[in-house]
PDB file of all heavy atoms in Angstrom:
ATOM      1  N   VAL A   1     154.712  74.546  59.739  1.00  0.00           N
ATOM      2  CA  VAL A   1     155.171  75.595  60.644  1.00  0.00           C
ATOM      3  C   VAL A   1     154.402  75.454  61.944  1.00  0.00           C
ATOM      4  O   VAL A   1     153.158  75.407  61.944  1.00  0.00           O
ATOM      5  CB  VAL A   1     154.944  77.001  60.054  1.00  0.00           C
ATOM      6  CG1 VAL A   1     155.331  78.074  61.068  1.00  0.00           C
ATOM      7  CG2 VAL A   1     155.738  77.178  58.768  1.00  0.00           C
ATOM      8  N   ARG A   2     155.135  75.391  63.044  1.00  0.00           N
ATOM      9  CA  ARG A   2     154.497  75.249  64.354  1.00  0.00           C
ATOM     10  C   ARG A   2     155.000  76.327  65.298  1.00  0.00           C
ATOM     11  O   ARG A   2     156.158  76.750  65.242  1.00  0.00           O
ATOM     12  CB  ARG A   2     154.784  73.876  64.956  1.00  0.00           C
ATOM     13  CG  ARG A   2     154.070  72.722  64.277  1.00  0.00           C
ATOM     14  CD  ARG A   2     154.097  71.461  65.145  1.00  0.00           C
ATOM     15  NE  ARG A   2     153.350  70.385  64.504  1.00  0.00           N
ATOM     16  CZ  ARG A   2     153.880  69.392  63.830  1.00  0.00           C
ATOM     17  NH1 ARG A   2     155.194  69.352  63.673  1.00  0.00           N
ATOM     18  NH2 ARG A   2     153.138  68.449  63.295  1.00  0.00           N
ATOM     19  N   TYR A   3     154.112  76.746  66.195  1.00  0.00           N
ATOM     20  CA  TYR A   3     154.459  77.609  67.327  1.00  0.00           C
ATOM     21  C   TYR A   3     154.094  76.828  68.585  1.00  0.00           C
ATOM     22  O   TYR A   3     152.942  76.845  69.019  1.00  0.00           O
ATOM     23  CB  TYR A   3     153.691  78.928  67.279  1.00  0.00           C
ATOM     24  CG  TYR A   3     153.875  79.710  65.991  1.00  0.00           C
ATOM     25  CD1 TYR A   3     152.920  79.656  64.990  1.00  0.00           C
ATOM     26  CD2 TYR A   3     154.999  80.495  65.792  1.00  0.00           C
ATOM     27  CE1 TYR A   3     153.074  80.377  63.810  1.00  0.00           C
ATOM     28  CE2 TYR A   3     155.169  81.223  64.628  1.00  0.00           C
ATOM     29  CZ  TYR A   3     154.198  81.156  63.644  1.00  0.00           C
ATOM     30  OH  TYR A   3     154.360  81.866  62.472  1.00  0.00           O
ATOM     31  N   GLY A   4     155.058  76.148  69.155  1.00  0.00           N
ATOM     32  CA  GLY A   4     154.749  75.292  70.289  1.00  0.00           C
ATOM     33  C   GLY A   4     153.804  74.176  69.870  1.00  0.00           C
ATOM     34  O   GLY A   4     154.075  73.423  68.929  1.00  0.00           O
ATOM     35  N   ALA A   5     152.672  74.096  70.553  1.00  0.00           N
ATOM     36  CA  ALA A   5     151.691  73.044  70.251  1.00  0.00           C
ATOM     37  C   ALA A   5     150.763  73.422  69.108  1.00  0.00           C
ATOM     38  O   ALA A   5     149.948  72.601  68.669  1.00  0.00           O
ATOM     39  CB  ALA A   5     150.868  72.732  71.506  1.00  0.00           C
ATOM     40  N   ILE A   6     150.868  74.658  68.611  1.00  0.00           N
ATOM     41  CA  ILE A   6     149.964  75.142  67.564  1.00  0.00           C
ATOM     42  C   ILE A   6     150.613  74.932  66.197  1.00  0.00           C
ATOM     43  O   ILE A   6     151.740  75.392  65.946  1.00  0.00           O
ATOM     44  CB  ILE A   6     149.636  76.632  67.762  1.00  0.00           C
ATOM     45  CG1 ILE A   6     148.918  76.838  69.094  1.00  0.00           C
ATOM     46  CG2 ILE A   6     148.778  77.145  66.610  1.00  0.00           C
ATOM     47  CD1 ILE A   6     148.693  78.287  69.438  1.00  0.00           C
ATOM     48  N   THR A   7     149.899  74.249  65.307  1.00  0.00           N
ATOM     49  CA  THR A   7     150.361  74.070  63.931  1.00  0.00           C
ATOM     50  C   THR A   7     149.713  75.139  63.069  1.00  0.00           C
ATOM     51  O   THR A   7     148.505  75.133  62.859  1.00  0.00           O
ATOM     52  CB  THR A   7     149.998  72.676  63.398  1.00  0.00           C
ATOM     53  OG1 THR A   7     150.593  71.687  64.247  1.00  0.00           O
ATOM     54  CG2 THR A   7     150.513  72.492  61.978  1.00  0.00           C
ATOM     55  N   ALA A   8     150.529  76.085  62.592  1.00  0.00           N
ATOM     56  CA  ALA A   8     150.016  77.205  61.803  1.00  0.00           C
ATOM     57  C   ALA A   8     149.924  76.873  60.325  1.00  0.00           C
ATOM     58  O   ALA A   8     149.043  77.370  59.615  1.00  0.00           O
ATOM     59  CB  ALA A   8     150.896  78.434  61.998  1.00  0.00           C
ATOM     60  N   VAL A   9     150.841  76.048  59.837  1.00  0.00           N
ATOM     61  CA  VAL A   9     150.867  75.626  58.436  1.00  0.00           C
ATOM     62  C   VAL A   9     151.152  74.137  58.424  1.00  0.00           C
ATOM     63  O   VAL A   9     152.071  73.678  59.118  1.00  0.00           O
ATOM     64  CB  VAL A   9     151.965  76.364  57.634  1.00  0.00           C
ATOM     65  CG1 VAL A   9     152.036  75.869  56.207  1.00  0.00           C
ATOM     66  CG2 VAL A   9     151.737  77.869  57.673  1.00  0.00           C
ATOM     67  N   HIS A  10     150.377  73.382  57.666  1.00  0.00           N
ATOM     68  CA  HIS A  10     150.631  71.939  57.638  1.00  0.00           C
ATOM     69  C   HIS A  10     150.456  71.382  56.228  1.00  0.00           C
ATOM     70  O   HIS A  10     149.444  71.561  55.578  1.00  0.00           O
ATOM     71  CB  HIS A  10     149.726  71.186  58.623  1.00  0.00           C
ATOM     72  CG  HIS A  10     148.256  71.387  58.434  1.00  0.00           C
ATOM     73  ND1 HIS A  10     147.500  70.625  57.580  1.00  0.00           N
ATOM     74  CD2 HIS A  10     147.403  72.278  58.998  1.00  0.00           C
ATOM     75  CE1 HIS A  10     146.233  71.025  57.632  1.00  0.00           C
ATOM     76  NE2 HIS A  10     146.159  72.021  58.472  1.00  0.00           N
ATOM     77  N   GLY A  11     151.535  70.771  55.744  1.00  0.00           N
ATOM     78  CA  GLY A  11     151.497  70.062  54.486  1.00  0.00           C
ATOM     79  C   GLY A  11     151.270  70.909  53.255  1.00  0.00           C
ATOM     80  O   GLY A  11     150.689  70.443  52.276  1.00  0.00           O
ATOM     81  N   VAL A  12     151.752  72.149  53.252  1.00  0.00           N
ATOM     82  CA  VAL A  12     151.497  73.046  52.122  1.00  0.00           C
ATOM     83  C   VAL A  12     152.506  72.796  51.001  1.00  0.00           C
ATOM     84  O   VAL A  12     153.715  72.738  51.233  1.00  0.00           O
ATOM     85  CB  VAL A  12     151.552  74.520  52.572  1.00  0.00           C
ATOM     86  CG1 VAL A  12     151.687  75.458  51.373  1.00  0.00           C
ATOM     87  CG2 VAL A  12     150.297  74.872  53.362  1.00  0.00           C
ATOM     88  N   ASP A  13     151.983  72.663  49.781  1.00  0.00           N
ATOM     89  CA  ASP A  13     152.788  72.598  48.565  1.00  0.00           C
ATOM     90  C   ASP A  13     152.472  73.839  47.726  1.00  0.00           C
ATOM     91  O   ASP A  13     151.302  74.180  47.554  1.00  0.00           O
ATOM     92  CB  ASP A  13     152.460  71.356  47.737  1.00  0.00           C
ATOM     93  CG  ASP A  13     152.824  70.060  48.449  1.00  0.00           C
ATOM     94  OD1 ASP A  13     153.762  70.068  49.268  1.00  0.00           O
ATOM     95  OD2 ASP A  13     152.169  69.043  48.178  1.00  0.00           O
ATOM     96  N   LEU A  14     153.504  74.496  47.221  1.00  0.00           N
ATOM     97  CA  LEU A  14     153.296  75.724  46.444  1.00  0.00           C
ATOM     98  C   LEU A  14     154.438  75.902  45.460  1.00  0.00           C
ATOM     99  O   LEU A  14     155.606  75.724  45.818  1.00  0.00           O
ATOM    100  CB  LEU A  14     153.239  76.937  47.383  1.00  0.00           C
ATOM    101  CG  LEU A  14     153.200  78.316  46.731  1.00  0.00           C
ATOM    102  CD1 LEU A  14     151.880  78.534  45.999  1.00  0.00           C
ATOM    103  CD2 LEU A  14     153.415  79.412  47.781  1.00  0.00           C
ATOM    104  N   LYS A  15     154.106  76.245  44.236  1.00  0.00           N
ATOM    105  CA  LYS A  15     155.101  76.623  43.238  1.00  0.00           C
ATOM    106  C   LYS A  15     154.786  78.032  42.736  1.00  0.00           C
ATOM    107  O   LYS A  15     153.628  78.371  42.513  1.00  0.00           O
ATOM    108  CB  LYS A  15     155.097  75.650  42.056  1.00  0.00           C
ATOM    109  CG  LYS A  15     155.588  74.236  42.374  1.00  0.00           C
ATOM    110  CD  LYS A  15     155.552  73.372  41.126  1.00  0.00           C
ATOM    111  CE  LYS A  15     155.918  71.923  41.430  1.00  0.00           C
ATOM    112  NZ  LYS A  15     157.333  71.790  41.824  1.00  0.00           N
ATOM    113  N   VAL A  16     155.817  78.831  42.586  1.00  0.00           N
ATOM    114  CA  VAL A  16     155.706  80.142  41.949  1.00  0.00           C
ATOM    115  C   VAL A  16     156.743  80.167  40.846  1.00  0.00           C
ATOM    116  O   VAL A  16     157.927  79.890  41.076  1.00  0.00           O
ATOM    117  CB  VAL A  16     155.951  81.297  42.933  1.00  0.00           C
ATOM    118  CG1 VAL A  16     155.791  82.642  42.215  1.00  0.00           C
ATOM    119  CG2 VAL A  16     155.005  81.214  44.125  1.00  0.00           C
ATOM    120  N   HIS A  17     156.318  80.501  39.642  1.00  0.00           N
ATOM    121  CA  HIS A  17     157.201  80.472  38.483  1.00  0.00           C
ATOM    122  C   HIS A  17     157.742  81.870  38.197  1.00  0.00           C
ATOM    123  O   HIS A  17     157.182  82.876  38.622  1.00  0.00           O
ATOM    124  CB  HIS A  17     156.458  79.899  37.282  1.00  0.00           C
ATOM    125  CG  HIS A  17     156.005  78.495  37.509  1.00  0.00           C
ATOM    126  ND1 HIS A  17     154.799  78.200  38.118  1.00  0.00           N
ATOM    127  CD2 HIS A  17     156.600  77.308  37.257  1.00  0.00           C
ATOM    128  CE1 HIS A  17     154.678  76.891  38.218  1.00  0.00           C
ATOM    129  NE2 HIS A  17     155.755  76.328  37.703  1.00  0.00           N
ATOM    130  N   ALA A  18     158.845  81.916  37.481  1.00  0.00           N
ATOM    131  CA  ALA A  18     159.496  83.185  37.165  1.00  0.00           C
ATOM    132  C   ALA A  18     158.515  84.121  36.477  1.00  0.00           C
ATOM    133  O   ALA A  18     157.853  83.743  35.508  1.00  0.00           O
ATOM    134  CB  ALA A  18     160.703  82.936  36.275  1.00  0.00           C
ATOM    135  N   GLY A  19     158.410  85.346  36.995  1.00  0.00           N
ATOM    136  CA  GLY A  19     157.528  86.347  36.413  1.00  0.00           C
ATOM    137  C   GLY A  19     156.054  86.164  36.714  1.00  0.00           C
ATOM    138  O   GLY A  19     155.229  86.945  36.231  1.00  0.00           O
ATOM    139  N   GLU A  20     155.714  85.193  37.538  1.00  0.00           N
ATOM    140  CA  GLU A  20     154.312  84.886  37.822  1.00  0.00           C
ATOM    141  C   GLU A  20     153.843  85.587  39.088  1.00  0.00           C
ATOM    142  O   GLU A  20     154.627  85.864  40.001  1.00  0.00           O
ATOM    143  CB  GLU A  20     154.161  83.370  37.994  1.00  0.00           C
ATOM    144  CG  GLU A  20     152.731  82.894  38.209  1.00  0.00           C
ATOM    145  CD  GLU A  20     152.650  81.390  38.411  1.00  0.00           C
ATOM    146  OE1 GLU A  20     153.578  80.814  39.002  1.00  0.00           O
ATOM    147  OE2 GLU A  20     151.646  80.795  37.972  1.00  0.00           O
ATOM    148  N   THR A  21     152.543  85.877  39.158  1.00  0.00           N
ATOM    149  CA  THR A  21     151.926  86.418  40.362  1.00  0.00           C
ATOM    150  C   THR A  21     150.932  85.406  40.910  1.00  0.00           C
ATOM    151  O   THR A  21     150.022  84.973  40.200  1.00  0.00           O
ATOM    152  CB  THR A  21     151.204  87.744  40.085  1.00  0.00           C
ATOM    153  OG1 THR A  21     152.163  88.723  39.647  1.00  0.00           O
ATOM    154  CG2 THR A  21     150.508  88.253  41.340  1.00  0.00           C
ATOM    155  N   VAL A  22     151.131  85.032  42.166  1.00  0.00           N
ATOM    156  CA  VAL A  22     150.241  84.099  42.846  1.00  0.00           C
ATOM    157  C   VAL A  22     149.643  84.802  44.060  1.00  0.00           C
ATOM    158  O   VAL A  22     150.364  85.435  44.843  1.00  0.00           O
ATOM    159  CB  VAL A  22     150.977  82.823  43.290  1.00  0.00           C
ATOM    160  CG1 VAL A  22     150.045  81.895  44.073  1.00  0.00           C
ATOM    161  CG2 VAL A  22     151.557  82.092  42.078  1.00  0.00           C
ATOM    162  N   ALA A  23     148.327  84.724  44.203  1.00  0.00           N
ATOM    163  CA  ALA A  23     147.623  85.317  45.336  1.00  0.00           C
ATOM    164  C   ALA A  23     147.227  84.226  46.315  1.00  0.00           C
ATOM    165  O   ALA A  23     146.760  83.149  45.911  1.00  0.00           O
ATOM    166  CB  ALA A  23     146.380  86.064  44.868  1.00  0.00           C
ATOM    167  N   ILE A  24     147.406  84.506  47.593  1.00  0.00           N
ATOM    168  CA  ILE A  24     146.927  83.620  48.654  1.00  0.00           C
ATOM    169  C   ILE A  24     145.947  84.424  49.493  1.00  0.00           C
ATOM    170  O   ILE A  24     146.316  85.454  50.075  1.00  0.00           O
ATOM    171  CB  ILE A  24     148.076  83.108  49.530  1.00  0.00           C
ATOM    172  CG1 ILE A  24     149.096  82.337  48.680  1.00  0.00           C
ATOM    173  CG2 ILE A  24     147.549  82.218  50.651  1.00  0.00           C
ATOM    174  CD1 ILE A  24     150.307  81.874  49.469  1.00  0.00           C
ATOM    175  N   VAL A  25     144.709  83.990  49.513  1.00  0.00           N
ATOM    176  CA  VAL A  25     143.681  84.707  50.254  1.00  0.00           C
ATOM    177  C   VAL A  25     143.042  83.772  51.269  1.00  0.00           C
ATOM    178  O   VAL A  25     143.123  82.546  51.149  1.00  0.00           O
ATOM    179  CB  VAL A  25     142.607  85.304  49.315  1.00  0.00           C
ATOM    180  CG1 VAL A  25     143.234  86.229  48.291  1.00  0.00           C
ATOM    181  CG2 VAL A  25     141.827  84.200  48.610  1.00  0.00           C
ATOM    182  N   GLY A  26     142.405  84.372  52.258  1.00  0.00           N
ATOM    183  CA  GLY A  26     141.756  83.593  53.288  1.00  0.00           C
ATOM    184  C   GLY A  26     141.531  84.425  54.535  1.00  0.00           C
ATOM    185  O   GLY A  26     141.993  85.565  54.623  1.00  0.00           O
ATOM    186  N   PRO A  27     140.836  83.874  55.514  1.00  0.00           N
ATOM    187  CA  PRO A  27     140.494  84.636  56.720  1.00  0.00           C
ATOM    188  C   PRO A  27     141.692  84.825  57.632  1.00  0.00           C
ATOM    189  O   PRO A  27     142.751  84.204  57.453  1.00  0.00           O
ATOM    190  CB  PRO A  27     139.428  83.756  57.389  1.00  0.00           C
ATOM    191  CG  PRO A  27     139.769  82.367  56.939  1.00  0.00           C
ATOM    192  CD  PRO A  27     140.280  82.512  55.537  1.00  0.00           C
ATOM    193  N   ASN A  28     141.539  85.682  58.643  1.00  0.00           N
ATOM    194  CA  ASN A  28     142.556  85.830  59.674  1.00  0.00           C
ATOM    195  C   ASN A  28     142.810  84.486  60.345  1.00  0.00           C
ATOM    196  O   ASN A  28     141.881  83.711  60.572  1.00  0.00           O
ATOM    197  CB  ASN A  28     142.110  86.839  60.733  1.00  0.00           C
ATOM    198  CG  ASN A  28     142.250  88.268  60.269  1.00  0.00           C
ATOM    199  OD1 ASN A  28     143.099  88.584  59.440  1.00  0.00           O
ATOM    200  ND2 ASN A  28     141.424  89.152  60.802  1.00  0.00           N
ATOM    201  N   GLY A  29     144.070  84.225  60.665  1.00  0.00           N
ATOM    202  CA  GLY A  29     144.415  82.992  61.342  1.00  0.00           C
ATOM    203  C   GLY A  29     144.529  81.788  60.439  1.00  0.00           C
ATOM    204  O   GLY A  29     144.681  80.661  60.927  1.00  0.00           O
ATOM    205  N   ALA A  30     144.500  82.012  59.119  1.00  0.00           N
ATOM    206  CA  ALA A  30     144.548  80.886  58.190  1.00  0.00           C
ATOM    207  C   ALA A  30     145.950  80.318  58.026  1.00  0.00           C
ATOM    208  O   ALA A  30     146.109  79.212  57.515  1.00  0.00           O
ATOM    209  CB  ALA A  30     144.006  81.314  56.829  1.00  0.00           C
ATOM    210  N   GLY A  31     146.980  81.064  58.429  1.00  0.00           N
ATOM    211  CA  GLY A  31     148.355  80.624  58.260  1.00  0.00           C
ATOM    212  C   GLY A  31     149.097  81.335  57.145  1.00  0.00           C
ATOM    213  O   GLY A  31     150.251  80.992  56.840  1.00  0.00           O
ATOM    214  N   LYS A  32     148.459  82.358  56.547  1.00  0.00           N
ATOM    215  CA  LYS A  32     149.056  83.037  55.395  1.00  0.00           C
ATOM    216  C   LYS A  32     150.366  83.730  55.763  1.00  0.00           C
ATOM    217  O   LYS A  32     151.379  83.584  55.067  1.00  0.00           O
ATOM    218  CB  LYS A  32     148.052  84.050  54.816  1.00  0.00           C
ATOM    219  CG  LYS A  32     146.693  83.480  54.473  1.00  0.00           C
ATOM    220  CD  LYS A  32     145.778  84.496  53.802  1.00  0.00           C
ATOM    221  CE  LYS A  32     145.536  85.769  54.599  1.00  0.00           C
ATOM    222  NZ  LYS A  32     144.789  85.509  55.875  1.00  0.00           N
ATOM    223  N   THR A  33     150.360  84.503  56.846  1.00  0.00           N
ATOM    224  CA  THR A  33     151.562  85.224  57.256  1.00  0.00           C
ATOM    225  C   THR A  33     152.655  84.257  57.676  1.00  0.00           C
ATOM    226  O   THR A  33     153.841  84.482  57.387  1.00  0.00           O
ATOM    227  CB  THR A  33     151.234  86.195  58.397  1.00  0.00           C
ATOM    228  OG1 THR A  33     150.363  87.223  57.905  1.00  0.00           O
ATOM    229  CG2 THR A  33     152.490  86.854  58.952  1.00  0.00           C
ATOM    230  N   SER A  34     152.291  83.168  58.332  1.00  0.00           N
ATOM    231  CA  SER A  34     153.286  82.169  58.734  1.00  0.00           C
ATOM    232  C   SER A  34     153.958  81.554  57.513  1.00  0.00           C
ATOM    233  O   SER A  34     155.171  81.298  57.513  1.00  0.00           O
ATOM    234  CB  SER A  34     152.633  81.082  59.575  1.00  0.00           C
ATOM    235  OG  SER A  34     152.170  81.598  60.807  1.00  0.00           O
ATOM    236  N   LEU A  35     153.185  81.321  56.460  1.00  0.00           N
ATOM    237  CA  LEU A  35     153.753  80.780  55.222  1.00  0.00           C
ATOM    238  C   LEU A  35     154.758  81.752  54.624  1.00  0.00           C
ATOM    239  O   LEU A  35     155.887  81.370  54.267  1.00  0.00           O
ATOM    240  CB  LEU A  35     152.632  80.474  54.233  1.00  0.00           C
ATOM    241  CG  LEU A  35     153.049  80.039  52.826  1.00  0.00           C
ATOM    242  CD1 LEU A  35     153.920  78.787  52.871  1.00  0.00           C
ATOM    243  CD2 LEU A  35     151.825  79.819  51.948  1.00  0.00           C
ATOM    244  N   LEU A  36     154.384  83.028  54.505  1.00  0.00           N
ATOM    245  CA  LEU A  36     155.318  84.021  53.967  1.00  0.00           C
ATOM    246  C   LEU A  36     156.560  84.148  54.844  1.00  0.00           C
ATOM    247  O   LEU A  36     157.678  84.269  54.338  1.00  0.00           O
ATOM    248  CB  LEU A  36     154.636  85.388  53.852  1.00  0.00           C
ATOM    249  CG  LEU A  36     153.603  85.613  52.759  1.00  0.00           C
ATOM    250  CD1 LEU A  36     153.344  87.107  52.600  1.00  0.00           C
ATOM    251  CD2 LEU A  36     154.012  85.011  51.431  1.00  0.00           C
ATOM    252  N   SER A  37     156.356  84.136  56.158  1.00  0.00           N
ATOM    253  CA  SER A  37     157.488  84.287  57.079  1.00  0.00           C
ATOM    254  C   SER A  37     158.473  83.144  56.946  1.00  0.00           C
ATOM    255  O   SER A  37     159.691  83.344  57.063  1.00  0.00           O
ATOM    256  CB  SER A  37     156.974  84.380  58.520  1.00  0.00           C
ATOM    257  OG  SER A  37     156.174  85.533  58.708  1.00  0.00           O
ATOM    258  N   ALA A  38     157.971  81.934  56.701  1.00  0.00           N
ATOM    259  CA  ALA A  38     158.859  80.791  56.510  1.00  0.00           C
ATOM    260  C   ALA A  38     159.648  80.920  55.215  1.00  0.00           C
ATOM    261  O   ALA A  38     160.856  80.651  55.172  1.00  0.00           O
ATOM    262  CB  ALA A  38     158.052  79.496  56.520  1.00  0.00           C
ATOM    263  N   ILE A  39     158.987  81.344  54.145  1.00  0.00           N
ATOM    264  CA  ILE A  39     159.679  81.525  52.870  1.00  0.00           C
ATOM    265  C   ILE A  39     160.733  82.630  52.984  1.00  0.00           C
ATOM    266  O   ILE A  39     161.836  82.522  52.436  1.00  0.00           O
ATOM    267  CB  ILE A  39     158.681  81.846  51.750  1.00  0.00           C
ATOM    268  CG1 ILE A  39     157.728  80.667  51.524  1.00  0.00           C
ATOM    269  CG2 ILE A  39     159.410  82.183  50.445  1.00  0.00           C
ATOM    270  CD1 ILE A  39     156.589  80.960  50.565  1.00  0.00           C
TER     271      ILE A  39
END
């Protein structure tokens, strides 16, 4: 995921299985919201 020259998410692989809960944690600016927004 890129915003102009800024790469917010790069090379992320993720699987979520039926009925499963997956947590993504990290500091501000880590790309978490960009990942959710893309999904």
